[in-house]
């Protein structure tokens, strides 16, 4: 049973998460030849103040792309 863990910044809508789960499941079915009901997708919303890259919290970075809604 493939399990896919997705960690992303909080703020995505339920519709966006639903679409992502569908796409990831379909890709896994195609790539691995497993049934869709064996694919688990777990999503974890991470606040920007709990994620750092290169020693800098994402909550303190200047935006470079529009924030996800």
Protein backbone atom coordinates (compact mmCIF):
# COMPACT_ATOMS: atom_id res chain seq x y z
CA UNK A 1 0.00 0.00 0.00
CA UNK A 2 1.69 3.21 -1.13
CA UNK A 3 1.48 6.06 1.36
CA UNK A 4 2.26 9.58 0.23
CA UNK A 5 3.05 12.24 2.82
CA UNK A 6 2.63 15.84 1.71
CA UNK A 7 3.95 18.65 3.88
CA UNK A 8 3.07 22.14 2.76
CA UNK A 9 2.43 25.60 4.10
CA UNK A 10 -1.02 26.02 5.59
CA UNK A 11 -3.60 27.97 3.66
CA UNK A 12 -4.74 25.64 0.88
CA UNK A 13 -8.46 25.12 0.50
CA UNK A 14 -10.22 21.79 0.86
CA UNK A 15 -10.88 21.88 -2.89
CA UNK A 16 -7.16 22.28 -3.61
CA UNK A 17 -6.31 19.40 -1.28
CA UNK A 18 -8.99 17.23 -2.85
CA UNK A 19 -7.56 17.93 -6.32
CA UNK A 20 -4.01 17.18 -5.15
CA UNK A 21 -5.09 13.89 -3.54
CA UNK A 22 -6.85 12.87 -6.76
CA UNK A 23 -3.85 13.71 -8.97
CA UNK A 24 -1.35 11.99 -6.68
CA UNK A 25 -3.52 8.90 -6.47
CA UNK A 26 -3.97 8.72 -10.24
CA UNK A 27 -0.23 9.15 -10.84
CA UNK A 28 0.58 6.43 -8.32
CA UNK A 29 -1.91 4.03 -9.92
CA UNK A 30 -0.33 4.65 -13.35
CA UNK A 31 3.28 4.44 -12.17
CA UNK A 32 2.98 1.48 -9.81
CA UNK A 33 0.03 -0.41 -11.20
CA UNK A 34 -1.72 -0.56 -7.84
CA UNK A 35 -5.45 -0.11 -7.21
CA UNK A 36 -6.54 3.39 -6.23
CA UNK A 37 -8.05 2.15 -2.97
CA UNK A 38 -4.59 1.09 -1.81
CA UNK A 39 -3.12 4.60 -2.11
CA UNK A 40 -3.09 6.78 1.00
CA UNK A 41 -2.37 10.52 0.84
CA UNK A 42 -1.68 12.30 4.12
CA UNK A 43 -1.50 16.07 4.17
CA UNK A 44 0.16 18.12 6.88
CA UNK A 45 -0.32 21.89 7.07
CA UNK A 46 2.78 23.58 8.44
CA UNK A 47 2.69 27.19 9.63
CA UNK A 48 5.36 29.34 7.97
CA UNK A 49 6.87 30.10 11.40
CA UNK A 50 7.51 26.36 11.85
CA UNK A 51 9.49 25.92 8.61
CA UNK A 52 12.97 27.29 7.90
CA UNK A 53 15.28 27.09 4.91
CA UNK A 54 18.91 28.16 5.07
CA UNK A 55 18.37 29.20 8.68
CA UNK A 56 15.58 31.65 7.90
CA UNK A 57 11.97 31.14 8.91
CA UNK A 58 9.57 31.31 5.99
CA UNK A 59 7.41 33.70 8.00
CA UNK A 60 10.32 36.17 7.91
CA UNK A 61 11.11 35.86 4.20
CA UNK A 62 10.01 38.44 1.69
CA UNK A 63 7.37 36.98 -0.62
CA UNK A 64 8.68 36.03 -4.06
CA UNK A 65 5.49 34.45 -5.40
CA UNK A 66 1.85 35.05 -4.56
CA UNK A 67 0.71 33.18 -1.45
CA UNK A 68 -1.53 30.17 -1.99
CA UNK A 69 -5.18 30.70 -1.20
